[in-house]
Protein backbone atom coordinates (compact mmCIF):
# COMPACT_ATOMS: atom_id res chain seq x y z
CA MET A 1 -28.66 4.53 -2.12
CA SER A 2 -26.23 1.87 -0.90
CA PHE A 3 -25.33 3.43 2.49
CA ILE A 4 -26.95 6.32 4.35
CA ILE A 5 -25.27 7.65 7.50
CA LYS A 6 -27.37 10.01 9.63
CA ASP A 7 -26.04 11.98 12.62
CA LEU A 8 -23.63 9.16 13.54
CA SER A 9 -21.51 9.40 16.70
CA TYR A 10 -19.23 7.04 18.58
CA ILE A 11 -18.03 7.54 22.15
CA HIS A 12 -15.51 5.25 23.86
CA ALA A 13 -16.28 3.64 27.20
CA ASP A 14 -14.05 6.25 28.89
CA LYS A 15 -16.35 8.97 27.45
CA GLU A 16 -13.80 10.09 24.85
CA ILE A 17 -15.60 11.19 21.67
CA LEU A 18 -14.10 9.48 18.62
CA PHE A 19 -16.36 11.21 16.07
CA SER A 20 -19.76 12.88 16.17
CA HIS A 21 -22.68 13.95 13.96
CA LEU A 22 -21.43 12.30 10.77
CA HIS A 23 -23.60 12.43 7.64
CA LEU A 24 -22.93 10.67 4.33
CA SER A 25 -24.82 9.07 1.45
CA ILE A 26 -23.12 6.50 -0.80
CA ASN A 27 -24.82 5.57 -4.06
CA SER A 28 -24.97 2.03 -5.43
CA GLY A 29 -21.86 1.30 -7.47
CA ASP A 30 -19.79 4.11 -5.93
CA LYS A 31 -16.12 3.34 -5.28
CA ILE A 32 -14.74 5.48 -2.48
CA ALA A 33 -11.55 5.62 -0.39
CA LEU A 34 -11.97 6.50 3.30
CA THR A 35 -8.91 8.45 4.47
CA GLY A 36 -7.83 10.17 7.67
CA ASN A 37 -5.04 10.17 10.21
CA ASN A 38 -4.42 7.17 12.47
CA GLY A 39 -6.76 7.26 15.44
CA CYS A 40 -9.48 9.33 13.77
CA GLY A 41 -11.89 6.37 13.76
CA LYS A 42 -11.82 5.01 10.20
CA SER A 43 -11.84 1.33 11.22
CA THR A 44 -14.49 1.97 13.87
CA LEU A 45 -16.68 3.70 11.30
CA MET A 46 -16.22 0.80 8.88
CA ARG A 47 -17.15 -1.72 11.59
CA ILE A 48 -20.33 0.28 12.23
CA LEU A 49 -21.13 0.31 8.51
CA ALA A 50 -20.57 -3.46 8.42
CA GLY A 51 -22.95 -3.96 11.35
CA ASP A 52 -20.09 -5.36 13.43
CA LEU A 53 -20.32 -2.54 16.00
CA SER A 54 -23.15 -0.35 17.26
CA PRO A 55 -22.83 3.46 17.18
CA SER A 56 -23.34 5.57 20.30
CA SER A 57 -26.04 7.49 18.44
CA GLY A 58 -27.33 7.99 14.92
CA THR A 59 -28.43 5.53 12.25
CA VAL A 60 -26.95 3.58 9.35
CA LEU A 61 -28.92 2.21 6.41
CA ARG A 62 -26.90 -0.49 4.65
CA PRO A 63 -27.43 -2.87 1.70
CA GLU A 64 -28.54 -6.40 2.49
CA HIS A 65 -25.80 -8.30 0.64
CA LEU A 66 -22.68 -6.83 2.27
CA TYR A 67 -19.14 -8.27 2.50
CA TYR A 68 -16.56 -6.98 5.00
CA VAL A 69 -12.80 -7.65 5.03
CA PRO A 70 -11.39 -6.45 8.39
CA GLN A 71 -7.83 -5.28 8.99
CA HIS A 72 -7.16 -7.80 11.76
CA PHE A 73 -8.19 -11.46 11.80
CA GLY A 74 -7.40 -12.64 15.34
CA GLN A 75 -11.10 -13.10 16.14
CA TYR A 76 -11.25 -15.85 13.48
CA ASP A 77 -8.36 -17.96 14.84
CA ARG A 78 -10.73 -20.45 16.49
CA GLN A 79 -12.64 -20.94 13.24
CA THR A 80 -12.00 -22.99 10.13
CA ILE A 81 -11.58 -21.32 6.74
CA ALA A 82 -15.14 -22.38 5.85
CA GLN A 83 -16.50 -20.78 9.03
CA ALA A 84 -14.53 -17.57 8.46
CA LEU A 85 -15.94 -17.40 4.92
CA GLY A 86 -19.46 -17.95 6.24
CA ILE A 87 -20.15 -21.13 4.26
CA SER A 88 -19.68 -23.88 6.88
CA HIS A 89 -23.45 -24.27 7.33
CA LYS A 90 -23.91 -24.84 3.58
CA LEU A 91 -21.02 -27.30 3.45
CA SER A 92 -22.47 -29.25 6.39
CA ALA A 93 -25.86 -29.40 4.68
CA LEU A 94 -24.27 -30.45 1.35
CA HIS A 95 -22.23 -33.24 2.95
CA ALA A 96 -25.27 -34.43 4.92
CA ILE A 97 -27.39 -34.63 1.76
CA LEU A 98 -24.63 -36.45 -0.14
CA SER A 99 -24.41 -38.89 2.78
CA GLY A 100 -28.11 -39.69 2.47
CA ASP A 101 -29.55 -37.34 5.11
CA ALA A 102 -31.88 -35.58 2.66
CA THR A 103 -34.03 -33.59 5.10
CA GLU A 104 -35.90 -30.43 4.15
CA LYS A 105 -33.81 -28.48 6.66
CA HIS A 106 -30.58 -29.34 4.81
CA PHE A 107 -32.08 -28.45 1.42
CA ASN A 108 -33.27 -25.09 2.80
CA THR A 109 -29.82 -24.40 4.24
CA LEU A 110 -28.06 -25.30 0.98
CA ASN A 111 -30.53 -23.14 -1.00
CA ASP A 112 -29.60 -24.79 -4.35
CA ASP A 113 -25.94 -23.77 -3.96
CA TRP A 114 -24.75 -27.24 -5.01
CA ASN A 115 -21.32 -26.12 -6.18
CA VAL A 116 -20.50 -23.98 -3.12
CA GLU A 117 -17.52 -26.17 -2.19
CA GLU A 118 -16.13 -26.11 -5.72
CA ARG A 119 -16.61 -22.34 -6.01
CA ALA A 120 -14.91 -21.76 -2.66
CA GLN A 121 -11.92 -23.90 -3.59
CA THR A 122 -11.66 -22.20 -6.99
CA SER A 123 -11.69 -18.77 -5.33
CA LEU A 124 -8.95 -19.83 -2.91
CA ASP A 125 -6.89 -21.30 -5.75
CA SER A 126 -7.15 -18.05 -7.70
CA TRP A 127 -5.51 -16.26 -4.77
CA GLY A 128 -2.62 -18.71 -4.64
CA LEU A 129 -4.08 -20.80 -1.82
CA ASP A 130 -4.42 -24.04 -3.75
CA GLY A 131 -4.03 -27.08 -1.56
CA ILE A 132 -5.40 -25.47 1.61
CA PRO A 133 -8.56 -27.36 2.70
CA LEU A 134 -11.65 -25.45 3.78
CA SER A 135 -11.58 -27.40 7.05
CA ARG A 136 -8.17 -25.98 8.03
CA PRO A 137 -8.14 -23.75 11.15
CA MET A 138 -7.36 -20.07 10.58
CA GLU A 139 -4.95 -20.14 13.50
CA GLY A 140 -1.41 -20.72 12.28
CA LEU A 141 -1.95 -19.16 8.87
CA SER A 142 0.17 -16.12 8.00
CA GLY A 143 -1.29 -12.63 7.78
CA GLY A 144 -0.98 -12.77 4.00
CA GLU A 145 -2.83 -16.09 3.79
CA LYS A 146 -5.66 -14.80 6.01
CA THR A 147 -5.98 -11.66 3.90
CA ARG A 148 -6.16 -13.67 0.68
CA ILE A 149 -8.79 -16.01 2.18
CA PHE A 150 -11.07 -13.06 2.90
CA LEU A 151 -10.38 -11.49 -0.49
CA ALA A 152 -11.29 -14.82 -2.10
CA GLY A 153 -14.63 -14.45 -0.32
CA MET A 154 -15.37 -11.37 -2.45
CA GLU A 155 -15.57 -13.56 -5.55
CA LEU A 156 -17.28 -16.40 -3.69
CA HIS A 157 -20.15 -14.29 -2.31
CA ASN A 158 -20.50 -11.75 -5.17
CA PRO A 159 -21.89 -9.06 -2.81
CA THR A 160 -23.60 -5.79 -3.75
CA ALA A 161 -21.36 -3.81 -1.38
CA ILE A 162 -17.78 -4.44 -0.22
CA LEU A 163 -15.96 -2.91 2.77
CA LEU A 164 -12.16 -3.32 2.78
CA ASP A 165 -9.96 -2.25 5.71
CA GLU A 166 -6.27 -2.07 4.65
CA PRO A 167 -6.62 -5.00 2.21
CA THR A 168 -3.10 -4.70 0.73
CA ASN A 169 -1.18 -4.84 4.04
CA TYR A 170 0.12 -8.39 3.56
CA LEU A 171 -0.15 -8.72 -0.21
CA ASP A 172 2.80 -9.07 -2.56
CA ALA A 173 2.91 -7.31 -5.95
CA ASP A 174 0.90 -10.05 -7.72
CA GLY A 175 -1.75 -10.07 -5.00
CA ARG A 176 -2.09 -6.30 -5.12
CA GLU A 177 -2.46 -6.30 -8.88
CA ARG A 178 -5.18 -8.95 -8.64
CA LEU A 179 -7.04 -6.85 -6.06
CA TYR A 180 -6.75 -3.70 -8.19
CA ASN A 181 -8.25 -5.56 -11.16
CA LEU A 182 -11.04 -7.03 -9.05
CA ILE A 183 -12.02 -3.59 -7.72
CA ARG A 184 -11.93 -2.13 -11.24
CA ARG A 185 -14.17 -4.91 -12.61
CA THR A 186 -16.78 -5.20 -9.87
CA SER A 187 -20.12 -3.45 -10.15
CA ALA A 188 -20.52 -3.54 -6.36
CA THR A 189 -20.32 -0.50 -4.11
CA VAL A 190 -16.78 -0.38 -2.68
CA LEU A 191 -15.50 1.51 0.37
CA VAL A 192 -11.77 1.11 1.08
CA ILE A 193 -9.48 2.15 3.93
CA SER A 194 -5.93 2.02 2.61
CA HIS A 195 -2.55 3.74 2.70
CA ASP A 196 -1.69 2.12 -0.67
CA ARG A 197 -1.51 5.18 -2.93
CA THR A 198 -1.59 3.07 -6.09
CA LEU A 199 -4.95 1.67 -4.97
CA LEU A 200 -6.21 5.07 -3.80
CA ASN A 201 -5.47 6.55 -7.21
CA GLN A 202 -7.72 3.96 -8.86
CA LEU A 203 -10.75 5.01 -6.80
CA PRO A 204 -12.72 7.93 -8.27
CA ALA A 205 -13.66 9.54 -4.94
CA ILE A 206 -12.13 10.22 -1.53
CA CYS A 207 -13.96 10.71 1.76
CA GLU A 208 -11.82 12.16 4.55
CA LEU A 209 -12.67 11.58 8.22
CA SER A 210 -11.33 14.27 10.55
CA SER A 211 -12.32 16.26 13.62
CA GLN A 212 -14.41 18.36 11.23
CA GLY A 213 -16.49 15.32 10.17
CA LEU A 214 -16.65 13.64 6.76
CA THR A 215 -15.49 15.64 3.74
CA TYR A 216 -16.15 14.31 0.22
CA TYR A 217 -13.73 14.88 -2.69
CA SER A 218 -14.89 13.92 -6.19
CA GLY A 219 -11.53 12.77 -7.51
CA ASN A 220 -8.76 10.23 -6.92
CA TYR A 221 -5.93 10.51 -4.42
CA ASP A 222 -3.76 12.80 -6.56
CA PHE A 223 -6.74 15.17 -6.94
CA TYR A 224 -7.39 14.97 -3.19
CA LYS A 225 -3.75 15.82 -2.40
CA LYS A 226 -3.84 18.87 -4.68
CA GLN A 227 -7.03 20.07 -2.98
CA LYS A 228 -5.52 19.47 0.46
CA THR A 229 -2.40 21.42 -0.55
CA LEU A 230 -4.54 24.35 -1.68
CA GLN A 231 -6.48 24.20 1.60
CA GLN A 232 -3.29 24.01 3.67
CA ASN A 233 -1.78 26.96 1.76
CA ALA A 234 -4.95 28.99 2.34
CA LEU A 235 -4.90 28.13 6.06
CA THR A 236 -1.22 29.06 6.30
CA GLN A 237 -1.99 32.43 4.69
CA GLN A 238 -4.90 32.97 7.09
CA LEU A 239 -2.64 32.11 10.02
CA GLU A 240 0.02 34.58 8.86
CA GLU A 241 -2.63 37.31 8.49
CA LYS A 242 -3.96 36.60 12.01
CA GLN A 243 -0.41 36.64 13.42
CA LYS A 244 0.24 39.97 11.70
CA ALA A 245 -3.04 41.38 13.06
CA LEU A 246 -2.17 40.12 16.57
CA ARG A 247 1.24 41.79 16.44
CA LEU A 248 -0.44 45.05 15.39
CA VAL A 249 -3.03 44.84 18.20
CA ARG A 250 -0.29 44.22 20.77
CA LYS A 251 1.79 47.08 19.34
CA VAL A 252 -1.15 49.49 19.55
CA ALA A 253 -1.91 48.27 23.09
CA ARG A 254 1.69 48.96 24.14
CA GLU A 255 1.58 52.41 22.55
CA VAL A 256 -1.68 53.18 24.37
CA GLU A 257 -0.14 52.16 27.70
CA GLU A 258 3.00 54.21 27.04
CA ARG A 259 0.94 57.22 25.96
CA LYS A 260 -1.25 56.87 29.04
CA ALA A 261 1.79 56.79 31.32
CA LYS A 262 3.28 59.91 29.68
CA GLN A 263 -0.06 61.73 29.82
CA ASN A 264 -0.41 60.93 33.53
CA VAL A 265 3.00 62.41 34.27
CA ARG A 266 2.35 65.52 32.13
CA GLY A 267 -1.14 65.91 33.54
CA GLU A 268 0.07 65.93 37.13
CA LYS A 269 2.79 68.47 36.34
CA ASN A 270 0.37 70.78 34.46
CA SER A 271 -2.24 70.51 37.19
CA ILE A 272 0.28 71.51 39.83
CA LYS A 273 1.45 74.45 37.70
CA LYS A 274 -2.13 75.64 37.08
CA GLY A 275 -3.03 75.21 40.75
CA ILE A 276 -5.93 72.86 40.09
CA PRO A 277 -7.39 71.52 43.37
CA ARG A 278 -6.40 67.97 44.24
CA ILE A 279 -10.01 66.73 44.29
CA MET A 280 -10.49 67.96 40.71
CA MET A 281 -7.12 66.51 39.69
CA GLY A 282 -8.26 63.11 41.02
CA ALA A 283 -11.51 63.28 39.05
CA LEU A 284 -9.70 64.16 35.84
CA LYS A 285 -7.21 61.35 36.46
CA ASN A 286 -10.00 58.82 37.08
CA ASN A 287 -11.78 59.84 33.86
CA ALA A 288 -8.56 59.42 31.89
CA GLU A 289 -7.84 56.06 33.51
CA ASN A 290 -11.38 54.80 32.81
CA SER A 291 -11.06 55.83 29.18
CA SER A 292 -7.66 54.10 28.89
CA SER A 293 -9.00 51.04 30.69
CA ARG A 294 -11.88 50.74 28.19
CA LEU A 295 -9.38 51.06 25.35
CA SER A 296 -7.09 48.42 26.89
CA SER A 297 -10.06 46.10 27.38
CA ILE A 298 -11.01 46.47 23.70
CA HIS A 299 -7.46 45.61 22.63
CA ALA A 300 -7.35 42.64 25.04
CA GLU A 301 -10.62 41.30 23.60
CA LYS A 302 -9.28 41.69 20.05
CA ALA A 303 -6.07 39.86 21.00
CA GLU A 304 -7.99 37.04 22.69
CA LYS A 305 -10.30 36.68 19.68
CA LEU A 306 -7.32 36.52 17.30
CA GLN A 307 -5.55 33.93 19.48
CA THR A 308 -8.68 31.75 19.54
CA GLU A 309 -8.97 32.00 15.75
CA MET A 310 -5.26 31.15 15.36
CA ALA A 311 -5.65 28.07 17.58
CA GLY A 312 -8.53 26.90 15.40
CA ILE A 313 -6.47 27.34 12.22
CA LYS A 314 -3.45 25.56 13.74
CA SER A 315 -5.63 22.57 14.63
CA LEU A 316 -6.51 22.21 10.93
CA LEU A 317 -2.93 22.51 9.68
CA SER A 318 -0.95 19.37 8.90
CA GLN A 319 1.68 18.48 11.48
CA THR A 320 4.06 16.89 8.98
CA ASP A 321 5.48 20.20 7.78
CA LYS A 322 6.69 20.88 11.32
CA LEU A 323 8.73 17.68 11.46
CA LYS A 324 12.14 17.81 9.81
CA THR A 325 14.53 14.89 10.26
CA ASP A 326 18.08 15.88 9.37
CA PHE A 327 20.39 12.89 9.53
CA ASN A 328 24.09 13.53 9.10
CA THR A 329 25.86 12.20 6.02
CA SER A 330 27.23 8.65 6.33
CA HIS A 331 30.95 8.68 7.21
CA LEU A 332 31.60 6.13 4.43
CA HIS A 333 32.76 7.43 1.07
CA THR A 334 30.33 6.84 -1.78
CA GLY A 335 31.05 3.66 -3.72
CA LYS A 336 32.73 1.71 -0.92
CA ILE A 337 31.92 -2.01 -1.24
CA LEU A 338 29.79 -3.02 1.77
CA ILE A 339 28.40 -6.41 0.72
CA THR A 340 29.71 -8.98 -1.73
CA ALA A 341 27.53 -12.07 -2.28
CA ARG A 342 28.88 -14.96 -4.35
CA ASN A 343 26.56 -17.87 -5.24
CA VAL A 344 24.63 -17.43 -1.98
CA ASN A 345 21.72 -19.70 -1.10
CA PHE A 346 19.98 -20.69 2.09
CA HIS A 347 17.67 -23.33 3.48
CA TYR A 348 16.25 -23.76 6.94
CA PRO A 349 17.01 -26.96 8.88
CA ASP A 350 14.38 -29.70 9.00
CA HIS A 351 10.96 -28.37 10.09
CA THR A 352 12.29 -25.07 11.40
CA ALA A 353 11.56 -22.97 8.35
CA SER A 354 10.28 -19.51 9.05
CA PRO A 355 6.49 -19.64 8.48
CA ALA A 356 6.57 -16.13 7.08
CA GLU A 357 9.16 -17.12 4.50
CA THR A 358 8.20 -20.68 3.66
CA PRO A 359 4.94 -21.33 1.76
CA HIS A 360 2.76 -24.21 2.96
CA THR A 361 3.63 -26.20 -0.14
CA GLU A 362 7.40 -25.90 0.26
CA THR A 363 9.61 -28.47 1.97
CA ALA A 364 11.79 -27.06 4.72
CA ALA A 365 15.08 -28.44 3.40
CA LYS A 366 14.67 -27.04 -0.09
CA SER A 367 17.02 -24.22 -1.12
CA LEU A 368 15.21 -20.92 -0.81
CA TRP A 369 16.20 -19.55 -4.22
CA ALA A 370 16.10 -21.39 -7.54
CA SER A 371 19.31 -19.65 -8.60
CA PRO A 372 22.12 -18.70 -6.18
CA LEU A 373 22.50 -14.96 -5.57
CA THR A 374 25.55 -13.01 -6.71
CA PHE A 375 25.63 -9.24 -6.22
CA GLN A 376 27.53 -6.31 -4.72
CA LEU A 377 26.21 -3.48 -2.57
CA ARG A 378 28.14 -0.21 -2.37
CA SER A 379 27.85 2.80 -0.09
CA GLY A 380 25.17 5.14 -1.41
CA ASP A 381 23.25 2.41 -3.25
CA ARG A 382 19.46 2.27 -2.98
CA LEU A 383 18.17 -1.25 -3.46
CA SER A 384 14.80 -2.99 -3.18
CA LEU A 385 14.27 -6.72 -2.72
CA LYS A 386 11.42 -7.99 -4.87
CA GLY A 387 9.57 -11.30 -4.87
CA LYS A 388 6.37 -13.02 -3.91
CA ASN A 389 5.50 -13.69 -0.28
CA GLY A 390 7.69 -16.58 0.86
CA SER A 391 10.46 -15.86 -1.66
CA GLY A 392 13.03 -15.19 1.07
CA LYS A 393 13.21 -11.40 1.18
CA THR A 394 13.43 -11.14 4.97
CA THR A 395 15.91 -14.03 5.04
CA LEU A 396 18.18 -12.12 2.65
CA LEU A 397 17.98 -9.06 4.90
CA LYS A 398 19.11 -11.21 7.83
CA LEU A 399 22.01 -12.54 5.75
CA ILE A 400 23.00 -8.97 4.88
CA MET A 401 22.82 -7.94 8.56
CA GLY A 402 24.87 -10.98 9.59
CA GLU A 403 22.07 -12.49 11.69
CA LEU A 404 22.08 -15.58 9.45
CA HIS A 405 24.88 -17.22 7.48
CA PRO A 406 24.43 -18.66 3.99
CA THR A 407 24.04 -22.41 3.61
CA ASP A 408 25.84 -22.18 0.28
CA GLY A 409 28.20 -19.56 -1.13
CA VAL A 410 29.92 -16.62 0.54
CA MET A 411 28.55 -13.35 1.96
CA GLU A 412 31.37 -10.85 2.65
CA ARG A 413 30.49 -7.85 4.84
CA ALA A 414 32.63 -4.73 5.29
CA GLY A 415 32.45 -2.69 8.48
CA PHE A 416 29.33 -0.50 8.53
CA THR A 417 26.57 0.51 10.90
CA SER A 418 22.93 -0.14 10.10
CA VAL A 419 19.48 0.45 11.55
CA TYR A 420 16.73 -2.08 10.88
CA LEU A 421 13.16 -0.76 10.79
CA ASP A 422 10.42 -3.34 10.33
CA GLN A 423 6.69 -2.80 9.89
CA GLU A 424 6.15 -3.10 13.66
CA TYR A 425 8.98 -0.63 14.45
CA SER A 426 10.25 -3.09 17.05
CA LEU A 427 13.15 -0.76 17.84
CA VAL A 428 10.52 0.78 20.17
CA ARG A 429 9.89 -1.30 23.33
CA ASN A 430 6.19 -1.55 24.15
CA GLU A 431 6.72 -1.78 27.92
CA ARG A 432 8.49 1.59 28.09
CA SER A 433 6.88 5.01 28.27
CA VAL A 434 7.63 7.48 25.48
CA LEU A 435 10.08 9.37 27.72
CA GLN A 436 11.75 6.14 28.91
CA GLN A 437 12.20 5.03 25.29
CA ALA A 438 13.85 8.35 24.45
CA GLU A 439 16.11 8.21 27.53
CA ALA A 440 17.19 4.66 26.60
CA PHE A 441 18.89 6.17 23.52
CA ASN A 442 20.45 9.10 25.39
CA HIS A 443 23.96 7.69 25.13
CA ARG A 444 25.36 11.24 24.91
CA HIS A 445 23.94 12.07 28.38
CA LEU A 446 22.01 15.07 27.13
CA PRO A 447 20.25 17.10 29.84
CA GLU A 448 16.64 16.02 30.32
CA HIS A 449 15.28 19.30 28.94
CA GLU A 450 17.16 18.71 25.66
CA VAL A 451 15.68 15.20 25.34
CA LYS A 452 12.23 16.67 25.91
CA THR A 453 12.91 19.39 23.34
CA ILE A 454 13.74 16.72 20.74
CA LEU A 455 10.57 14.81 21.70
CA ASN A 456 8.55 17.98 21.10
CA ARG A 457 10.27 18.43 17.75
CA TYR A 458 9.04 14.94 16.78
CA LEU A 459 5.48 15.87 17.80
CA PHE A 460 5.54 14.22 21.23
CA PRO A 461 4.30 16.95 23.62
CA ARG A 462 4.39 16.77 27.41
CA ASP A 463 0.97 15.09 27.71
CA VAL A 464 2.20 11.89 25.96
CA TRP A 465 5.61 11.48 27.65
CA ASN A 466 4.19 8.97 30.14
CA LYS A 467 2.10 7.11 27.55
CA PRO A 468 3.10 3.42 27.14
CA CYS A 469 4.75 2.79 23.78
CA GLY A 470 2.48 -0.24 23.35
CA LYS A 471 -0.43 2.17 22.91
CA LEU A 472 1.24 4.19 20.15
CA SER A 473 0.04 3.96 16.55
CA GLY A 474 2.33 2.75 13.78
CA GLY A 475 3.02 6.33 12.73
CA GLU A 476 3.87 7.37 16.28
CA LYS A 477 6.28 4.44 16.65
CA MET A 478 7.94 5.42 13.39
CA ARG A 479 8.40 9.01 14.57
CA LEU A 480 9.69 7.82 17.94
CA SER A 481 12.21 5.53 16.21
CA PHE A 482 13.67 8.45 14.26
CA CYS A 483 13.52 10.61 17.40
CA CYS A 484 15.60 8.02 19.31
CA LEU A 485 18.21 7.95 16.54
CA MET A 486 18.43 11.74 16.70
CA ILE A 487 18.84 11.69 20.49
CA ALA A 488 21.64 9.13 20.12
CA ASP A 489 23.14 11.19 17.25
CA ASN A 490 23.19 7.84 15.48
CA THR A 491 23.16 8.37 11.74
CA PRO A 492 23.61 4.86 10.32
CA ASP A 493 25.62 3.99 7.23
CA MET A 494 22.64 1.95 6.06
CA PHE A 495 18.88 1.93 6.63
CA ILE A 496 17.34 -1.53 6.24
CA LEU A 497 13.57 -1.26 5.81
CA ASP A 498 11.16 -4.21 5.94
CA GLU A 499 7.71 -3.09 4.74
CA PRO A 500 8.11 0.24 6.59
CA THR A 501 4.82 1.75 5.35
CA ASN A 502 2.55 -1.19 6.21
CA ASN A 503 1.03 0.13 9.44
CA LEU A 504 1.23 3.85 8.72
CA ASP A 505 -1.35 6.44 7.78
CA ILE A 506 -0.78 8.70 4.79
CA GLU A 507 0.77 11.57 6.79
CA SER A 508 3.21 9.18 8.47
CA ILE A 509 4.14 7.69 5.09
CA GLU A 510 4.93 11.20 3.89
CA ILE A 511 7.23 11.70 6.90
CA ILE A 512 9.23 8.49 6.37
CA THR A 513 9.30 9.11 2.61
CA ALA A 514 10.82 12.58 3.11
CA THR A 515 13.26 11.22 5.71
CA ILE A 516 14.59 8.41 3.51
CA ARG A 517 14.58 10.59 0.39
CA ASP A 518 16.78 13.21 2.11
CA TYR A 519 19.05 10.69 3.87
CA ALA A 520 22.52 10.57 2.28
CA GLY A 521 23.43 6.93 2.82
CA THR A 522 22.70 3.36 1.75
CA VAL A 523 19.13 2.02 1.71
CA ILE A 524 17.85 -1.54 1.35
CA ALA A 525 14.08 -1.92 1.34
CA ILE A 526 11.44 -4.59 1.13
CA SER A 527 8.28 -2.80 0.08
CA HIS A 528 5.27 -3.43 -2.12
CA ASP A 529 4.51 0.30 -1.98
CA ARG A 530 5.39 1.48 -5.49
CA GLU A 531 4.96 5.15 -4.64
CA PHE A 532 7.30 4.89 -1.64
CA LEU A 533 10.03 3.25 -3.72
CA LYS A 534 9.65 5.81 -6.50
CA ASP A 535 9.57 8.83 -4.17
CA THR A 536 12.66 7.69 -2.23
CA GLY A 537 14.71 7.07 -5.37
CA ILE A 538 14.98 3.29 -4.88
CA GLU A 539 15.25 2.02 -8.45
CA ARG A 540 17.74 -0.87 -8.40
CA GLU A 541 16.21 -4.22 -7.43
CA ILE A 542 17.06 -7.85 -6.76
CA LEU A 543 14.28 -10.24 -7.83
CA LEU A 544 14.03 -13.35 -5.64
CA GLU A 545 12.45 -16.49 -7.07
């Protein structure tokens, strides 16, 4: 066995139970995807498996030679690349020996790994990080560069088990393909948290974390989705049967009450006619009422039992089917020219280049694109911007939105409205509560109860209205963004999407996919998510080099 999880639980400091009594065995060489909705505890579980966090109870047996790539890298900002990769002690020993300090301690530390520096640099180079010294601080590097540094460590350390938490978040198409190939080739045990469905489909098993515990599926993501659909359909059928049974129980209960009332009236009339003494009439009435009361109690118990069972089924049903986003059709006629770019190029002024757009090897004054851009965008078009990290995709979006102006060439913009959604969903203000965020878009002055009704429709019930937006997950921010647009009745002529699926769980990706697929307007997207682009009908592309 590679990992053995026994009766594992984790409880937050505020006593909230994240998960409890988990059991799982992972064999050596297994390659498994760990799935589950945002907030279910996937990253926490992976940190426990990595030995980075202690569980509240239970045990974990793990392999000795383990390598962990976390989702976030802020804790490494005060370290050099060598320290983050866990080789700084070997490099110090190597340099000391080469400088003449040939002590036994240094030889023991180096452990015959004489080419560690060369191997590390080769691994970095293979991930497109050539020219970055191992002594460079992690702070100041982009998210993509930090991700690639840790992925380079997989080849450097050659571990027997690898834990990857959202490894494709900052990778371009080339980086993703390299990771896919590496996972396919390795003989190590691999456990991956990812929303990248292309990656998930290459893993032969899925393990789902939910309130029910860990559920193992012996197939890839497509197989898992089919099984989940069958389960959801079965649950829906069970729910309908329970609802039907509940309606019947309530109907019978009403009929019993009505029959009892009629019998009471008839009984009193007959008793009076027959001259039955009042004391005997009271006894007969009490017996009848006791019998009816027992019958009513039985029906009430049946109804309560059915309602409890229905609540349990509802808790297992996916919420995404309840959420329908119906944007109006764009007021622009299909085919209207919105953007005309003629020989457009751009470069940032001296030393002010955007670090996200400008690679470390590029001079700030250099034109961003090797060939000037010439294209037209019409109403109804669906377009993706392709290119490696640093190729200027976000800069082109800003040119299209009019936030930047081309250094060379002409960018003509017709009148149109647009909504920009980035991977952080920054349309949502972190300092606001959920209700305050919704009210900020209530330009139509809807009554408060209507705003709250729309919030409920977008799966924001009363108990989260006062929750700070800064504490929302990526999926919740995405839903709140669409909710705000609905409250404002603001159907844009164009959606501009910058890596919209990066911080979302699978269910949230399905929501935004359905929303953009059904939206009848213009779409421009930057996305490395092949499945998202395919499912939303975005086929035309501009390749930036």
